[in-house]
Amino acid sequence: MREKDMFGNEVVVEEEPKKNGKKKGEEEAKEKKEKKDDRPAIVRFANSLGLDDFDYDAIKEVEKEIKVKIAGNQEISLYAFKGMIVKKMYEYVTMRVHKEVEKKMRDQGDFSEDALRFTLMQLAEKEIKYGLQPMVHVIPLKGNLYVNISGYRFYARNTGIKYGVSFECLRDGSTDNKWRYRCTISFADGSPSISAEGYASPQSYKGNIEYIANMAMKRAEMHAYSRAFPIGASVEEAEMIPYDEGVNYSAQPIGDVIAGSIEELLGGPQSEVVINSQIPDEVSETVLEETE
């Protein structure tokens, strides 16, 4: 290619080869990567809201002053607590706990990668704060985490509070198998007792009808524990899960998935429940025991 220089003389100029679209796109992507924003996500979010003077280092210092209570009657900083959650989630992955959680979520038709990460984070929080084991004391159900009856008993034991559990039959279902019980938790220190009721019938319990009375007792017990030793969502909320439209629940009393999950939360059918247990002398024996 010939061009004239500033003096009017012809000179030969080599033409720069044109870049094809693919190569140009690759170079642009490379430039963007090199200009990657390495600011913490919380800083980018704050800046997007117009908070350009957001001080992340100052926030970290504040988090180090905020105290969080965890299992074992310990206190740590919020900053350390967040780090413990990350480590616990890593433990779930290395110990394959996340696979068990994933399977449970897939079986319920409620799986996504984001939902799994969020669930693992919540499981880690429950274990660190309350000592509850994932998939043993806490299970995912319909997009939420629920503490089962074993989890509440475990947590109640470890509070160091001395208490006793008693039951009262409010409706005898000997003729129609519709039972209602009241469970009362009494405290050795004289604090006001806490009561809750539980109901079960062939229409509300999908299982062996031989255990309907026990299921009413266990529902009452679960509700009482959730009020006396609050942790988070429990079977009380699980029973409020909306029924699917178009399902004849008069023929199918409670939906397979919902009923099965509630039974799991309550520990499954039991052949015997100890009634009117007394306030214990030892903290280690502060729970209503069951026998097969």
C-alpha atoms as a PDB file:
ATOM      1  CA  MET A   1       0.000   0.000   0.000  1.00  0.00           C
ATOM      2  CA  ARG A   2       1.443   3.360  -1.117  1.00  0.00           C
ATOM      3  CA  GLU A   3       0.929   6.661   0.677  1.00  0.00           C
ATOM      4  CA  LYS A   4       2.528  10.118   0.516  1.00  0.00           C
ATOM      5  CA  ASP A   5       4.568  11.418   3.367  1.00  0.00           C
ATOM      6  CA  MET A   6       4.469  14.999   4.673  1.00  0.00           C
ATOM      7  CA  PHE A   7       6.868  16.104   1.902  1.00  0.00           C
ATOM      8  CA  GLY A   8       4.782  14.602  -0.929  1.00  0.00           C
ATOM      9  CA  ASN A   9       7.022  11.615  -1.503  1.00  0.00           C
ATOM     10  CA  GLU A  10       5.446   8.215  -2.065  1.00  0.00           C
ATOM     11  CA  VAL A  11       6.251   5.591   0.571  1.00  0.00           C
ATOM     12  CA  VAL A  12       5.231   1.971   0.989  1.00  0.00           C
ATOM     13  CA  VAL A  13       3.224   1.278   4.158  1.00  0.00           C
ATOM     14  CA  GLU A  14       2.514  -2.243   5.376  1.00  0.00           C
ATOM     15  CA  GLU A  15      -1.179  -2.743   6.058  1.00  0.00           C
ATOM     16  CA  GLU A  16      -1.995  -4.147   9.497  1.00  0.00           C
ATOM     17  CA  PRO A  17      -3.907  -7.406   9.129  1.00  0.00           C
ATOM     18  CA  LYS A  18      -7.575  -7.166  10.111  1.00  0.00           C
ATOM     19  CA  LYS A  19      -8.627  -9.087  13.180  1.00  0.00           C
ATOM     20  CA  ASN A  20     -11.442 -11.531  12.768  1.00  0.00           C
ATOM     21  CA  GLY A  21     -14.468 -11.213  15.047  1.00  0.00           C
ATOM     22  CA  LYS A  22     -13.551 -14.203  17.187  1.00  0.00           C
ATOM     23  CA  LYS A  23     -10.041 -12.984  17.896  1.00  0.00           C
ATOM     24  CA  LYS A  24     -11.298  -9.501  18.641  1.00  0.00           C
ATOM     25  CA  GLY A  25     -13.843 -10.907  21.088  1.00  0.00           C
ATOM     26  CA  GLU A  26     -11.176 -12.968  22.821  1.00  0.00           C
ATOM     27  CA  GLU A  27      -8.949  -9.929  23.237  1.00  0.00           C
ATOM     28  CA  GLU A  28     -11.814  -7.865  24.637  1.00  0.00           C
ATOM     29  CA  ALA A  29     -12.637 -10.634  27.106  1.00  0.00           C
ATOM     30  CA  LYS A  30      -8.977 -10.775  28.115  1.00  0.00           C
ATOM     31  CA  GLU A  31      -8.942  -7.015  28.711  1.00  0.00           C
ATOM     32  CA  LYS A  32     -12.070  -7.267  30.844  1.00  0.00           C
ATOM     33  CA  LYS A  33     -10.535 -10.084  32.858  1.00  0.00           C
ATOM     34  CA  GLU A  34      -7.416  -8.016  33.444  1.00  0.00           C
ATOM     35  CA  LYS A  35      -9.644  -5.194  34.663  1.00  0.00           C
ATOM     36  CA  LYS A  36     -11.608  -7.511  37.001  1.00  0.00           C
ATOM     37  CA  ASP A  37     -13.071  -5.792  40.054  1.00  0.00           C
ATOM     38  CA  ASP A  38     -11.407  -7.405  43.049  1.00  0.00           C
ATOM     39  CA  ARG A  39     -13.405  -5.483  45.623  1.00  0.00           C
ATOM     40  CA  PRO A  40     -15.358  -7.641  48.126  1.00  0.00           C
ATOM     41  CA  ALA A  41     -18.938  -8.350  47.049  1.00  0.00           C
ATOM     42  CA  ILE A  42     -20.365  -6.316  49.937  1.00  0.00           C
ATOM     43  CA  VAL A  43     -18.340  -3.283  48.813  1.00  0.00           C
ATOM     44  CA  ARG A  44     -19.524  -3.607  45.204  1.00  0.00           C
ATOM     45  CA  PHE A  45     -23.111  -3.933  46.452  1.00  0.00           C
ATOM     46  CA  ALA A  46     -22.780  -0.867  48.684  1.00  0.00           C
ATOM     47  CA  ASN A  47     -21.268   1.158  45.831  1.00  0.00           C
ATOM     48  CA  SER A  48     -24.122   0.125  43.547  1.00  0.00           C
ATOM     49  CA  LEU A  49     -26.481   1.728  46.083  1.00  0.00           C
ATOM     50  CA  GLY A  50     -24.533   4.961  45.911  1.00  0.00           C
ATOM     51  CA  LEU A  51     -22.583   4.390  49.126  1.00  0.00           C
ATOM     52  CA  ASP A  52     -19.238   5.263  47.634  1.00  0.00           C
ATOM     53  CA  ASP A  53     -17.674   5.944  51.020  1.00  0.00           C
ATOM     54  CA  PHE A  54     -18.482   2.470  52.342  1.00  0.00           C
ATOM     55  CA  ASP A  55     -15.552   1.368  54.534  1.00  0.00           C
ATOM     56  CA  TYR A  56     -15.163  -2.430  54.444  1.00  0.00           C
ATOM     57  CA  ASP A  57     -12.208  -2.465  56.832  1.00  0.00           C
ATOM     58  CA  ALA A  58     -14.244  -0.490  59.355  1.00  0.00           C
ATOM     59  CA  ILE A  59     -17.094  -2.987  59.022  1.00  0.00           C
ATOM     60  CA  LYS A  60     -14.697  -5.846  59.742  1.00  0.00           C
ATOM     61  CA  GLU A  61     -13.540  -4.111  62.892  1.00  0.00           C
ATOM     62  CA  VAL A  62     -17.152  -3.665  63.996  1.00  0.00           C
ATOM     63  CA  GLU A  63     -17.847  -7.362  63.347  1.00  0.00           C
ATOM     64  CA  LYS A  64     -14.955  -8.267  65.609  1.00  0.00           C
ATOM     65  CA  GLU A  65     -16.708  -6.412  68.445  1.00  0.00           C
ATOM     66  CA  ILE A  66     -20.149  -7.989  67.927  1.00  0.00           C
ATOM     67  CA  LYS A  67     -20.549 -11.154  69.994  1.00  0.00           C
ATOM     68  CA  VAL A  68     -22.415 -14.299  68.906  1.00  0.00           C
ATOM     69  CA  LYS A  69     -23.414 -17.100  71.280  1.00  0.00           C
ATOM     70  CA  ILE A  70     -22.572 -20.578  70.047  1.00  0.00           C
ATOM     71  CA  ALA A  71     -22.905 -24.141  71.358  1.00  0.00           C
ATOM     72  CA  GLY A  72     -21.062 -24.936  74.566  1.00  0.00           C
ATOM     73  CA  ASN A  73     -22.120 -21.642  76.145  1.00  0.00           C
ATOM     74  CA  GLN A  74     -19.336 -19.828  74.300  1.00  0.00           C
ATOM     75  CA  GLU A  75     -19.168 -16.373  72.758  1.00  0.00           C
ATOM     76  CA  ILE A  76     -17.192 -15.442  69.670  1.00  0.00           C
ATOM     77  CA  SER A  77     -17.063 -12.407  67.403  1.00  0.00           C
ATOM     78  CA  LEU A  78     -19.360 -12.119  64.402  1.00  0.00           C
ATOM     79  CA  TYR A  79     -16.232 -11.984  62.242  1.00  0.00           C
ATOM     80  CA  ALA A  80     -15.025 -15.341  63.646  1.00  0.00           C
ATOM     81  CA  PHE A  81     -18.538 -16.781  63.386  1.00  0.00           C
ATOM     82  CA  LYS A  82     -18.635 -16.108  59.636  1.00  0.00           C
ATOM     83  CA  GLY A  83     -15.286 -17.833  59.264  1.00  0.00           C
ATOM     84  CA  MET A  84     -16.565 -20.861  61.190  1.00  0.00           C
ATOM     85  CA  ILE A  85     -19.550 -21.130  58.845  1.00  0.00           C
ATOM     86  CA  VAL A  86     -17.250 -21.246  55.813  1.00  0.00           C
ATOM     87  CA  LYS A  87     -15.071 -23.921  57.437  1.00  0.00           C
ATOM     88  CA  LYS A  88     -18.126 -25.970  58.422  1.00  0.00           C
ATOM     89  CA  MET A  89     -19.500 -25.823  54.870  1.00  0.00           C
ATOM     90  CA  TYR A  90     -16.122 -27.008  53.582  1.00  0.00           C
ATOM     91  CA  GLU A  91     -16.332 -29.881  56.074  1.00  0.00           C
ATOM     92  CA  TYR A  92     -19.777 -30.823  54.731  1.00  0.00           C
ATOM     93  CA  VAL A  93     -18.347 -31.044  51.226  1.00  0.00           C
ATOM     94  CA  THR A  94     -15.265 -33.069  52.181  1.00  0.00           C
ATOM     95  CA  MET A  95     -17.370 -35.434  54.331  1.00  0.00           C
ATOM     96  CA  ARG A  96     -19.982 -35.755  51.537  1.00  0.00           C
ATOM     97  CA  VAL A  97     -22.773 -34.418  53.738  1.00  0.00           C
ATOM     98  CA  HIS A  98     -23.738 -32.105  50.889  1.00  0.00           C
ATOM     99  CA  LYS A  99     -24.605 -35.146  48.749  1.00  0.00           C
ATOM    100  CA  GLU A 100     -27.091 -36.371  51.326  1.00  0.00           C
ATOM    101  CA  VAL A 101     -28.630 -32.913  51.533  1.00  0.00           C
ATOM    102  CA  GLU A 102     -28.743 -32.659  47.740  1.00  0.00           C
ATOM    103  CA  LYS A 103     -30.526 -36.020  47.450  1.00  0.00           C
ATOM    104  CA  LYS A 104     -33.115 -34.952  50.009  1.00  0.00           C
ATOM    105  CA  MET A 105     -33.762 -31.721  48.140  1.00  0.00           C
ATOM    106  CA  ARG A 106     -34.005 -33.477  44.769  1.00  0.00           C
ATOM    107  CA  ASP A 107     -36.465 -36.016  46.179  1.00  0.00           C
ATOM    108  CA  GLN A 108     -38.653 -33.104  47.249  1.00  0.00           C
ATOM    109  CA  GLY A 109     -38.310 -31.405  43.858  1.00  0.00           C
ATOM    110  CA  ASP A 110     -36.726 -28.349  45.435  1.00  0.00           C
ATOM    111  CA  PHE A 111     -33.103 -28.478  44.258  1.00  0.00           C
ATOM    112  CA  SER A 112     -30.898 -25.820  42.734  1.00  0.00           C
ATOM    113  CA  GLU A 113     -27.227 -25.018  43.203  1.00  0.00           C
ATOM    114  CA  ASP A 114     -28.050 -21.734  44.950  1.00  0.00           C
ATOM    115  CA  ALA A 115     -30.614 -23.423  47.207  1.00  0.00           C
ATOM    116  CA  LEU A 116     -28.076 -26.104  48.137  1.00  0.00           C
ATOM    117  CA  ARG A 117     -25.436 -23.537  49.080  1.00  0.00           C
ATOM    118  CA  PHE A 118     -27.932 -21.581  51.148  1.00  0.00           C
ATOM    119  CA  THR A 119     -29.155 -24.751  52.883  1.00  0.00           C
ATOM    120  CA  LEU A 120     -25.604 -25.824  53.733  1.00  0.00           C
ATOM    121  CA  MET A 121     -24.953 -22.382  55.171  1.00  0.00           C
ATOM    122  CA  GLN A 122     -28.069 -22.637  57.350  1.00  0.00           C
ATOM    123  CA  LEU A 123     -27.104 -26.148  58.477  1.00  0.00           C
ATOM    124  CA  ALA A 124     -23.663 -24.859  59.440  1.00  0.00           C
ATOM    125  CA  GLU A 125     -25.235 -22.035  61.440  1.00  0.00           C
ATOM    126  CA  LYS A 126     -27.512 -24.455  63.325  1.00  0.00           C
ATOM    127  CA  GLU A 127     -24.620 -26.765  64.150  1.00  0.00           C
ATOM    128  CA  ILE A 128     -22.307 -23.980  65.329  1.00  0.00           C
ATOM    129  CA  LYS A 129     -24.930 -22.143  67.377  1.00  0.00           C
ATOM    130  CA  TYR A 130     -26.911 -25.070  68.781  1.00  0.00           C
ATOM    131  CA  GLY A 131     -24.786 -28.178  68.225  1.00  0.00           C
ATOM    132  CA  LEU A 132     -27.443 -29.707  65.951  1.00  0.00           C
ATOM    133  CA  GLN A 133     -26.204 -32.259  63.434  1.00  0.00           C
ATOM    134  CA  PRO A 134     -27.256 -31.922  59.769  1.00  0.00           C
ATOM    135  CA  MET A 135     -29.704 -34.591  58.567  1.00  0.00           C
ATOM    136  CA  VAL A 136     -29.865 -35.987  62.112  1.00  0.00           C
ATOM    137  CA  HIS A 137     -31.409 -33.112  64.052  1.00  0.00           C
ATOM    138  CA  VAL A 138     -32.102 -30.694  61.181  1.00  0.00           C
ATOM    139  CA  ILE A 139     -33.549 -31.568  57.766  1.00  0.00           C
ATOM    140  CA  PRO A 140     -34.509 -29.583  54.648  1.00  0.00           C
ATOM    141  CA  LEU A 141     -38.212 -29.552  53.825  1.00  0.00           C
ATOM    142  CA  LYS A 142     -39.946 -27.607  51.063  1.00  0.00           C
ATOM    143  CA  GLY A 143     -37.255 -24.943  50.809  1.00  0.00           C
ATOM    144  CA  ASN A 144     -36.781 -24.460  54.556  1.00  0.00           C
ATOM    145  CA  LEU A 145     -34.878 -26.099  57.386  1.00  0.00           C
ATOM    146  CA  TYR A 146     -36.778 -27.790  60.186  1.00  0.00           C
ATOM    147  CA  VAL A 147     -35.568 -29.025  63.555  1.00  0.00           C
ATOM    148  CA  ASN A 148     -36.978 -32.465  64.372  1.00  0.00           C
ATOM    149  CA  ILE A 149     -38.037 -33.686  67.796  1.00  0.00           C
ATOM    150  CA  SER A 150     -34.675 -35.328  68.439  1.00  0.00           C
ATOM    151  CA  GLY A 151     -33.008 -31.984  67.758  1.00  0.00           C
ATOM    152  CA  TYR A 152     -35.169 -30.174  70.295  1.00  0.00           C
ATOM    153  CA  ARG A 153     -34.545 -32.826  72.935  1.00  0.00           C
ATOM    154  CA  PHE A 154     -30.819 -32.700  72.252  1.00  0.00           C
ATOM    155  CA  TYR A 155     -30.750 -28.923  72.475  1.00  0.00           C
ATOM    156  CA  ALA A 156     -32.884 -28.880  75.624  1.00  0.00           C
ATOM    157  CA  ARG A 157     -30.518 -31.344  77.319  1.00  0.00           C
ATOM    158  CA  ASN A 158     -27.537 -29.150  76.579  1.00  0.00           C
ATOM    159  CA  THR A 159     -29.022 -25.902  77.870  1.00  0.00           C
ATOM    160  CA  GLY A 160     -28.350 -27.067  81.434  1.00  0.00           C
ATOM    161  CA  ILE A 161     -31.932 -26.179  82.401  1.00  0.00           C
ATOM    162  CA  LYS A 162     -33.682 -28.733  84.600  1.00  0.00           C
ATOM    163  CA  TYR A 163     -37.181 -29.474  83.389  1.00  0.00           C
ATOM    164  CA  GLY A 164     -39.813 -32.183  83.268  1.00  0.00           C
ATOM    165  CA  VAL A 165     -42.433 -33.212  80.707  1.00  0.00           C
ATOM    166  CA  SER A 166     -46.011 -34.316  81.374  1.00  0.00           C
ATOM    167  CA  PHE A 167     -49.028 -35.124  79.202  1.00  0.00           C
ATOM    168  CA  GLU A 168     -52.781 -34.741  79.614  1.00  0.00           C
ATOM    169  CA  CYS A 169     -55.368 -36.342  77.350  1.00  0.00           C
ATOM    170  CA  LEU A 170     -57.898 -33.698  76.310  1.00  0.00           C
ATOM    171  CA  ARG A 171     -59.872 -35.838  73.883  1.00  0.00           C
ATOM    172  CA  ASP A 172     -60.102 -39.596  74.150  1.00  0.00           C
ATOM    173  CA  GLY A 173     -60.223 -41.175  70.706  1.00  0.00           C
ATOM    174  CA  SER A 174     -61.038 -44.722  71.819  1.00  0.00           C
ATOM    175  CA  THR A 175     -64.172 -44.760  69.672  1.00  0.00           C
ATOM    176  CA  ASP A 176     -63.290 -42.642  66.610  1.00  0.00           C
ATOM    177  CA  ASN A 177     -59.464 -42.556  66.847  1.00  0.00           C
ATOM    178  CA  LYS A 178     -59.393 -38.753  67.060  1.00  0.00           C
ATOM    179  CA  TRP A 179     -56.997 -37.754  69.843  1.00  0.00           C
ATOM    180  CA  ARG A 180     -55.917 -34.493  71.441  1.00  0.00           C
ATOM    181  CA  TYR A 181     -53.191 -34.159  74.073  1.00  0.00           C
ATOM    182  CA  ARG A 182     -51.635 -31.332  76.024  1.00  0.00           C
ATOM    183  CA  CYS A 183     -47.916 -31.440  76.762  1.00  0.00           C
ATOM    184  CA  THR A 184     -46.582 -29.339  79.631  1.00  0.00           C
ATOM    185  CA  ILE A 185     -42.930 -28.547  80.283  1.00  0.00           C
ATOM    186  CA  SER A 186     -42.241 -27.605  83.918  1.00  0.00           C
ATOM    187  CA  PHE A 187     -39.034 -26.019  85.182  1.00  0.00           C
ATOM    188  CA  ALA A 188     -37.191 -26.848  88.381  1.00  0.00           C
ATOM    189  CA  ASP A 189     -36.354 -23.195  89.082  1.00  0.00           C
ATOM    190  CA  GLY A 190     -40.026 -22.282  89.408  1.00  0.00           C
ATOM    191  CA  SER A 191     -40.334 -20.515  86.062  1.00  0.00           C
ATOM    192  CA  PRO A 192     -43.844 -20.567  84.522  1.00  0.00           C
ATOM    193  CA  SER A 193     -44.571 -23.853  82.789  1.00  0.00           C
ATOM    194  CA  ILE A 194     -45.177 -23.960  79.032  1.00  0.00           C
ATOM    195  CA  SER A 195     -47.944 -26.006  77.424  1.00  0.00           C
ATOM    196  CA  ALA A 196     -48.994 -26.893  73.906  1.00  0.00           C
ATOM    197  CA  GLU A 197     -51.591 -29.152  72.341  1.00  0.00           C
ATOM    198  CA  GLY A 198     -51.373 -31.783  69.642  1.00  0.00           C
ATOM    199  CA  TYR A 199     -54.114 -33.400  67.576  1.00  0.00           C
ATOM    200  CA  ALA A 200     -54.120 -36.494  65.380  1.00  0.00           C
ATOM    201  CA  SER A 201     -56.775 -38.437  63.499  1.00  0.00           C
ATOM    202  CA  PRO A 202     -56.950 -40.776  60.497  1.00  0.00           C
ATOM    203  CA  GLN A 203     -57.502 -37.651  58.353  1.00  0.00           C
ATOM    204  CA  SER A 204     -54.367 -35.840  59.618  1.00  0.00           C
ATOM    205  CA  TYR A 205     -51.939 -38.726  60.010  1.00  0.00           C
ATOM    206  CA  LYS A 206     -50.886 -40.957  57.124  1.00  0.00           C
ATOM    207  CA  GLY A 207     -49.492 -43.973  58.913  1.00  0.00           C
ATOM    208  CA  ASN A 208     -50.379 -46.962  61.028  1.00  0.00           C
ATOM    209  CA  ILE A 209     -53.624 -46.040  62.828  1.00  0.00           C
ATOM    210  CA  GLU A 210     -52.369 -47.961  65.828  1.00  0.00           C
ATOM    211  CA  TYR A 211     -50.016 -45.041  66.567  1.00  0.00           C
ATOM    212  CA  ILE A 212     -52.435 -42.129  66.116  1.00  0.00           C
ATOM    213  CA  ALA A 213     -52.729 -41.469  69.864  1.00  0.00           C
ATOM    214  CA  ASN A 214     -48.953 -41.427  70.200  1.00  0.00           C
ATOM    215  CA  MET A 215     -48.684 -39.090  67.239  1.00  0.00           C
ATOM    216  CA  ALA A 216     -51.033 -36.619  68.947  1.00  0.00           C
ATOM    217  CA  MET A 217     -48.789 -36.762  72.026  1.00  0.00           C
ATOM    218  CA  LYS A 218     -45.639 -36.271  69.983  1.00  0.00           C
ATOM    219  CA  ARG A 219     -47.126 -33.290  68.147  1.00  0.00           C
ATOM    220  CA  ALA A 220     -48.036 -31.711  71.466  1.00  0.00           C
ATOM    221  CA  GLU A 221     -44.529 -32.417  72.762  1.00  0.00           C
ATOM    222  CA  MET A 222     -42.909 -30.949  69.653  1.00  0.00           C
ATOM    223  CA  HIS A 223     -44.934 -27.755  69.927  1.00  0.00           C
ATOM    224  CA  ALA A 224     -44.145 -27.438  73.631  1.00  0.00           C
ATOM    225  CA  TYR A 225     -40.403 -27.875  73.017  1.00  0.00           C
ATOM    226  CA  SER A 226     -40.425 -25.294  70.242  1.00  0.00           C
ATOM    227  CA  ARG A 227     -41.985 -22.773  72.641  1.00  0.00           C
ATOM    228  CA  ALA A 228     -39.892 -23.639  75.691  1.00  0.00           C
ATOM    229  CA  PHE A 229     -36.582 -23.944  73.807  1.00  0.00           C
ATOM    230  CA  PRO A 230     -37.007 -21.913  70.596  1.00  0.00           C
ATOM    231  CA  ILE A 231     -34.510 -22.605  67.830  1.00  0.00           C
ATOM    232  CA  GLY A 232     -36.262 -21.938  64.550  1.00  0.00           C
ATOM    233  CA  ALA A 233     -38.829 -23.485  62.263  1.00  0.00           C
ATOM    234  CA  SER A 234     -40.214 -26.782  63.530  1.00  0.00           C
ATOM    235  CA  VAL A 235     -43.018 -29.190  62.744  1.00  0.00           C
ATOM    236  CA  GLU A 236     -45.541 -26.555  63.826  1.00  0.00           C
ATOM    237  CA  GLU A 237     -44.685 -24.584  60.693  1.00  0.00           C
ATOM    238  CA  ALA A 238     -44.226 -27.736  58.627  1.00  0.00           C
ATOM    239  CA  GLU A 239     -47.864 -28.655  59.199  1.00  0.00           C
ATOM    240  CA  MET A 240     -48.851 -25.309  57.713  1.00  0.00           C
ATOM    241  CA  ILE A 241     -47.378 -26.159  54.295  1.00  0.00           C
ATOM    242  CA  PRO A 242     -50.179 -25.540  51.747  1.00  0.00           C
ATOM    243  CA  TYR A 243     -51.750 -28.607  50.193  1.00  0.00           C
ATOM    244  CA  ASP A 244     -51.365 -29.094  46.448  1.00  0.00           C
ATOM    245  CA  GLU A 245     -54.384 -28.034  44.431  1.00  0.00           C
ATOM    246  CA  GLY A 246     -56.488 -30.742  42.854  1.00  0.00           C
ATOM    247  CA  VAL A 247     -55.588 -33.433  45.387  1.00  0.00           C
ATOM    248  CA  ASN A 248     -58.466 -35.215  47.120  1.00  0.00           C
ATOM    249  CA  TYR A 249     -57.276 -35.164  50.709  1.00  0.00           C
ATOM    250  CA  SER A 250     -60.450 -36.826  51.963  1.00  0.00           C
ATOM    251  CA  ALA A 251     -59.250 -39.932  50.133  1.00  0.00           C
ATOM    252  CA  GLN A 252     -55.565 -39.173  50.779  1.00  0.00           C
ATOM    253  CA  PRO A 253     -55.593 -37.473  54.200  1.00  0.00           C
ATOM    254  CA  ILE A 254     -52.353 -35.531  53.959  1.00  0.00           C
ATOM    255  CA  GLY A 255     -50.044 -35.822  50.912  1.00  0.00           C
ATOM    256  CA  ASP A 256     -47.293 -38.424  50.761  1.00  0.00           C
ATOM    257  CA  VAL A 257     -44.365 -36.010  50.842  1.00  0.00           C
ATOM    258  CA  ILE A 258     -45.775 -33.758  53.542  1.00  0.00           C
ATOM    259  CA  ALA A 259     -46.996 -36.585  55.747  1.00  0.00           C
ATOM    260  CA  GLY A 260     -43.773 -38.542  55.391  1.00  0.00           C
ATOM    261  CA  SER A 261     -41.699 -35.496  56.241  1.00  0.00           C
ATOM    262  CA  ILE A 262     -43.778 -34.621  59.297  1.00  0.00           C
ATOM    263  CA  GLU A 263     -43.514 -38.185  60.544  1.00  0.00           C
ATOM    264  CA  GLU A 264     -39.753 -37.957  60.083  1.00  0.00           C
ATOM    265  CA  LEU A 265     -39.654 -34.710  62.037  1.00  0.00           C
ATOM    266  CA  LEU A 266     -41.518 -36.401  64.853  1.00  0.00           C
ATOM    267  CA  GLY A 267     -39.255 -39.422  64.883  1.00  0.00           C
ATOM    268  CA  GLY A 268     -41.600 -41.899  63.226  1.00  0.00           C
ATOM    269  CA  PRO A 269     -44.267 -44.067  64.851  1.00  0.00           C
ATOM    270  CA  GLN A 270     -43.557 -45.155  68.418  1.00  0.00           C
ATOM    271  CA  SER A 271     -44.988 -48.041  70.416  1.00  0.00           C
ATOM    272  CA  GLU A 272     -44.707 -46.318  73.777  1.00  0.00           C
ATOM    273  CA  VAL A 273     -44.184 -42.840  75.174  1.00  0.00           C
ATOM    274  CA  VAL A 274     -43.347 -42.280  78.839  1.00  0.00           C
ATOM    275  CA  ILE A 275     -46.053 -40.136  80.393  1.00  0.00           C
ATOM    276  CA  ASN A 276     -45.737 -37.686  83.293  1.00  0.00           C
ATOM    277  CA  SER A 277     -41.974 -37.816  83.644  1.00  0.00           C
ATOM    278  CA  GLN A 278     -40.804 -35.867  86.698  1.00  0.00           C
ATOM    279  CA  ILE A 279     -38.403 -32.946  86.896  1.00  0.00           C
ATOM    280  CA  PRO A 280     -35.001 -34.681  86.863  1.00  0.00           C
ATOM    281  CA  ASP A 281     -32.320 -34.504  89.492  1.00  0.00           C
ATOM    282  CA  GLU A 282     -29.565 -34.675  86.888  1.00  0.00           C
ATOM    283  CA  VAL A 283     -29.276 -32.440  83.861  1.00  0.00           C
ATOM    284  CA  SER A 284     -28.178 -35.375  81.703  1.00  0.00           C
ATOM    285  CA  GLU A 285     -31.583 -37.029  82.162  1.00  0.00           C
ATOM    286  CA  THR A 286     -33.773 -34.105  81.213  1.00  0.00           C
ATOM    287  CA  VAL A 287     -35.613 -35.528  78.275  1.00  0.00           C
ATOM    288  CA  LEU A 288     -38.649 -37.616  77.601  1.00  0.00           C
ATOM    289  CA  GLU A 289     -37.355 -41.051  76.627  1.00  0.00           C
ATOM    290  CA  GLU A 290     -39.046 -43.513  74.294  1.00  0.00           C
ATOM    291  CA  THR A 291     -38.866 -47.282  74.112  1.00  0.00           C
ATOM    292  CA  GLU A 292     -39.539 -49.444  71.142  1.00  0.00           C
END
